[in-house]
Amino acid sequence: MRDFIRHLFPRVVLKDNLRISYTFCLGGLAFTMFLMLLVSGALLAFYYIPHAAEAYNSILYIEEKVFGGHFLHSLHRSPAGSLRLCCHPADGPELATLRQSVHLFRLL
């Protein structure tokens, strides 16, 4: 445990470790998105019914009747798409990554 705390708070940080690159802070972003998924998923679980006949109706109920339900559903959906982009930034312009990007930014 002591080594883990030393790893999180080092006494000396090398100058080469602070250079900006395309993967800078992607681990922290991915962890933040994971926490957002965890919290929003736990809140959605109060209203979601995972039965084949009631699943779609429960989503409609969440988005239309629950206070802030549409925001909560979007808050759960958006990090799910961007988490893949943070975890696999070196995929390049593959079709799956492009589809995921379009899915992520279609909310705008």
C-alpha atoms as a PDB file:
ATOM      1  CA  MET A   1       0.000   0.000   0.000  1.00  0.00           C
ATOM      2  CA  ARG A   2       2.842   2.336   0.800  1.00  0.00           C
ATOM      3  CA  ASP A   3       4.413   1.813  -2.629  1.00  0.00           C
ATOM      4  CA  PHE A   4       1.092   2.554  -4.294  1.00  0.00           C
ATOM      5  CA  ILE A   5       0.842   5.901  -2.491  1.00  0.00           C
ATOM      6  CA  ARG A   6       4.417   6.702  -3.445  1.00  0.00           C
ATOM      7  CA  HIS A   7       3.517   5.914  -7.044  1.00  0.00           C
ATOM      8  CA  LEU A   8       0.565   8.317  -6.955  1.00  0.00           C
ATOM      9  CA  PHE A   9       2.546  11.133  -5.314  1.00  0.00           C
ATOM     10  CA  PRO A  10       6.169  10.932  -6.493  1.00  0.00           C
ATOM     11  CA  ARG A  11       8.760  13.268  -5.003  1.00  0.00           C
ATOM     12  CA  VAL A  12      10.450  13.890  -8.337  1.00  0.00           C
ATOM     13  CA  VAL A  13       8.796  14.060 -11.750  1.00  0.00           C
ATOM     14  CA  LEU A  14      11.043  13.696 -14.781  1.00  0.00           C
ATOM     15  CA  LYS A  15      10.824  16.388 -17.441  1.00  0.00           C
ATOM     16  CA  ASP A  16      10.360  13.762 -20.183  1.00  0.00           C
ATOM     17  CA  ASN A  17       7.225  12.486 -18.424  1.00  0.00           C
ATOM     18  CA  LEU A  18       5.556  15.900 -18.701  1.00  0.00           C
ATOM     19  CA  ARG A  19       5.813  16.320 -22.466  1.00  0.00           C
ATOM     20  CA  ILE A  20       2.463  16.634 -24.211  1.00  0.00           C
ATOM     21  CA  SER A  21       1.583  13.740 -26.496  1.00  0.00           C
ATOM     22  CA  TYR A  22      -1.622  12.422 -28.028  1.00  0.00           C
ATOM     23  CA  THR A  23      -2.060   9.961 -25.175  1.00  0.00           C
ATOM     24  CA  PHE A  24      -1.559  12.528 -22.409  1.00  0.00           C
ATOM     25  CA  CYS A  25      -4.120  11.998 -19.622  1.00  0.00           C
ATOM     26  CA  LEU A  26      -6.143   9.372 -21.507  1.00  0.00           C
ATOM     27  CA  GLY A  27      -5.941   7.057 -18.506  1.00  0.00           C
ATOM     28  CA  GLY A  28      -7.458   9.684 -16.235  1.00  0.00           C
ATOM     29  CA  LEU A  29     -10.166  10.457 -18.769  1.00  0.00           C
ATOM     30  CA  ALA A  30     -10.981   6.770 -19.156  1.00  0.00           C
ATOM     31  CA  PHE A  31     -11.193   6.340 -15.376  1.00  0.00           C
ATOM     32  CA  THR A  32     -13.478   9.379 -15.076  1.00  0.00           C
ATOM     33  CA  MET A  33     -15.751   8.031 -17.808  1.00  0.00           C
ATOM     34  CA  PHE A  34     -15.809   4.642 -16.103  1.00  0.00           C
ATOM     35  CA  LEU A  35     -16.922   6.292 -12.856  1.00  0.00           C
ATOM     36  CA  MET A  36     -19.613   8.233 -14.745  1.00  0.00           C
ATOM     37  CA  LEU A  37     -20.845   4.972 -16.277  1.00  0.00           C
ATOM     38  CA  LEU A  38     -20.860   3.292 -12.890  1.00  0.00           C
ATOM     39  CA  VAL A  39     -22.811   6.047 -11.121  1.00  0.00           C
ATOM     40  CA  SER A  40     -25.289   6.706 -13.933  1.00  0.00           C
ATOM     41  CA  GLY A  41     -25.816   2.968 -14.457  1.00  0.00           C
ATOM     42  CA  ALA A  42     -26.564   2.502 -10.764  1.00  0.00           C
ATOM     43  CA  LEU A  43     -29.116   5.323 -10.903  1.00  0.00           C
ATOM     44  CA  LEU A  44     -30.695   3.957 -14.074  1.00  0.00           C
ATOM     45  CA  ALA A  45     -30.966   0.524 -12.479  1.00  0.00           C
ATOM     46  CA  PHE A  46     -33.641   1.851 -10.116  1.00  0.00           C
ATOM     47  CA  TYR A  47     -36.081   2.314 -13.009  1.00  0.00           C
ATOM     48  CA  TYR A  48     -34.882  -0.063 -15.731  1.00  0.00           C
ATOM     49  CA  ILE A  49     -36.679  -3.393 -16.119  1.00  0.00           C
ATOM     50  CA  PRO A  50     -34.425  -5.965 -17.864  1.00  0.00           C
ATOM     51  CA  HIS A  51     -37.218  -8.054 -19.311  1.00  0.00           C
ATOM     52  CA  ALA A  52     -37.668  -8.450 -23.066  1.00  0.00           C
ATOM     53  CA  ALA A  53     -41.266  -7.232 -23.011  1.00  0.00           C
ATOM     54  CA  GLU A  54     -40.667  -4.257 -20.692  1.00  0.00           C
ATOM     55  CA  ALA A  55     -37.159  -3.019 -21.552  1.00  0.00           C
ATOM     56  CA  TYR A  56     -38.159  -0.492 -24.209  1.00  0.00           C
ATOM     57  CA  ASN A  57     -41.090   0.771 -22.150  1.00  0.00           C
ATOM     58  CA  SER A  58     -38.860   1.261 -19.135  1.00  0.00           C
ATOM     59  CA  ILE A  59     -36.453   3.369 -21.215  1.00  0.00           C
ATOM     60  CA  LEU A  60     -39.383   5.482 -22.405  1.00  0.00           C
ATOM     61  CA  TYR A  61     -40.545   5.818 -18.808  1.00  0.00           C
ATOM     62  CA  ILE A  62     -37.081   6.939 -17.701  1.00  0.00           C
ATOM     63  CA  GLU A  63     -36.808   9.537 -20.459  1.00  0.00           C
ATOM     64  CA  GLU A  64     -40.338  10.926 -20.179  1.00  0.00           C
ATOM     65  CA  LYS A  65     -41.550  10.543 -16.572  1.00  0.00           C
ATOM     66  CA  VAL A  66     -38.468  10.491 -14.337  1.00  0.00           C
ATOM     67  CA  PHE A  67     -37.115  13.920 -13.358  1.00  0.00           C
ATOM     68  CA  GLY A  68     -33.828  14.374 -15.263  1.00  0.00           C
ATOM     69  CA  GLY A  69     -34.232  10.955 -16.873  1.00  0.00           C
ATOM     70  CA  HIS A  70     -33.342  12.066 -20.392  1.00  0.00           C
ATOM     71  CA  PHE A  71     -30.206  13.777 -19.064  1.00  0.00           C
ATOM     72  CA  LEU A  72     -29.312  10.696 -17.015  1.00  0.00           C
ATOM     73  CA  HIS A  73     -29.779   8.386 -20.000  1.00  0.00           C
ATOM     74  CA  SER A  74     -27.612  10.662 -22.164  1.00  0.00           C
ATOM     75  CA  LEU A  75     -25.064  10.897 -19.359  1.00  0.00           C
ATOM     76  CA  HIS A  76     -24.831   7.117 -19.413  1.00  0.00           C
ATOM     77  CA  ARG A  77     -24.729   6.816 -23.215  1.00  0.00           C
ATOM     78  CA  SER A  78     -22.100   9.462 -24.023  1.00  0.00           C
ATOM     79  CA  PRO A  79     -19.204   8.159 -21.878  1.00  0.00           C
ATOM     80  CA  ALA A  80     -19.827   4.656 -23.194  1.00  0.00           C
ATOM     81  CA  GLY A  81     -18.871   5.733 -26.699  1.00  0.00           C
ATOM     82  CA  SER A  82     -16.014   7.995 -25.717  1.00  0.00           C
ATOM     83  CA  LEU A  83     -14.533   5.401 -23.355  1.00  0.00           C
ATOM     84  CA  ARG A  84     -13.698   3.232 -26.345  1.00  0.00           C
ATOM     85  CA  LEU A  85     -11.962   6.153 -28.030  1.00  0.00           C
ATOM     86  CA  CYS A  86      -9.880   6.799 -24.918  1.00  0.00           C
ATOM     87  CA  CYS A  87      -8.927   3.157 -24.468  1.00  0.00           C
ATOM     88  CA  HIS A  88      -8.038   2.556 -28.132  1.00  0.00           C
ATOM     89  CA  PRO A  89      -6.600   5.836 -29.494  1.00  0.00           C
ATOM     90  CA  ALA A  90      -4.130   4.121 -31.839  1.00  0.00           C
ATOM     91  CA  ASP A  91      -6.780   2.316 -33.901  1.00  0.00           C
ATOM     92  CA  GLY A  92      -6.505   4.924 -36.620  1.00  0.00           C
ATOM     93  CA  PRO A  93      -9.284   5.684 -39.072  1.00  0.00           C
ATOM     94  CA  GLU A  94     -10.837   2.261 -38.994  1.00  0.00           C
ATOM     95  CA  LEU A  95     -14.476   1.906 -39.853  1.00  0.00           C
ATOM     96  CA  ALA A  96     -15.459   0.897 -36.320  1.00  0.00           C
ATOM     97  CA  THR A  97     -13.740   3.939 -34.819  1.00  0.00           C
ATOM     98  CA  LEU A  98     -15.381   6.220 -37.356  1.00  0.00           C
ATOM     99  CA  ARG A  99     -18.783   4.725 -36.613  1.00  0.00           C
ATOM    100  CA  GLN A 100     -18.170   5.197 -32.908  1.00  0.00           C
ATOM    101  CA  SER A 101     -17.185   8.838 -33.454  1.00  0.00           C
ATOM    102  CA  VAL A 102     -20.293   9.517 -35.495  1.00  0.00           C
ATOM    103  CA  HIS A 103     -22.406   7.849 -32.804  1.00  0.00           C
ATOM    104  CA  LEU A 104     -20.702   9.935 -30.116  1.00  0.00           C
ATOM    105  CA  PHE A 105     -21.149  13.298 -31.832  1.00  0.00           C
ATOM    106  CA  ARG A 106     -24.632  12.762 -33.223  1.00  0.00           C
ATOM    107  CA  LEU A 107     -26.011  14.201 -30.001  1.00  0.00           C
ATOM    108  CA  LEU A 108     -24.614  17.627 -30.923  1.00  0.00           C
END
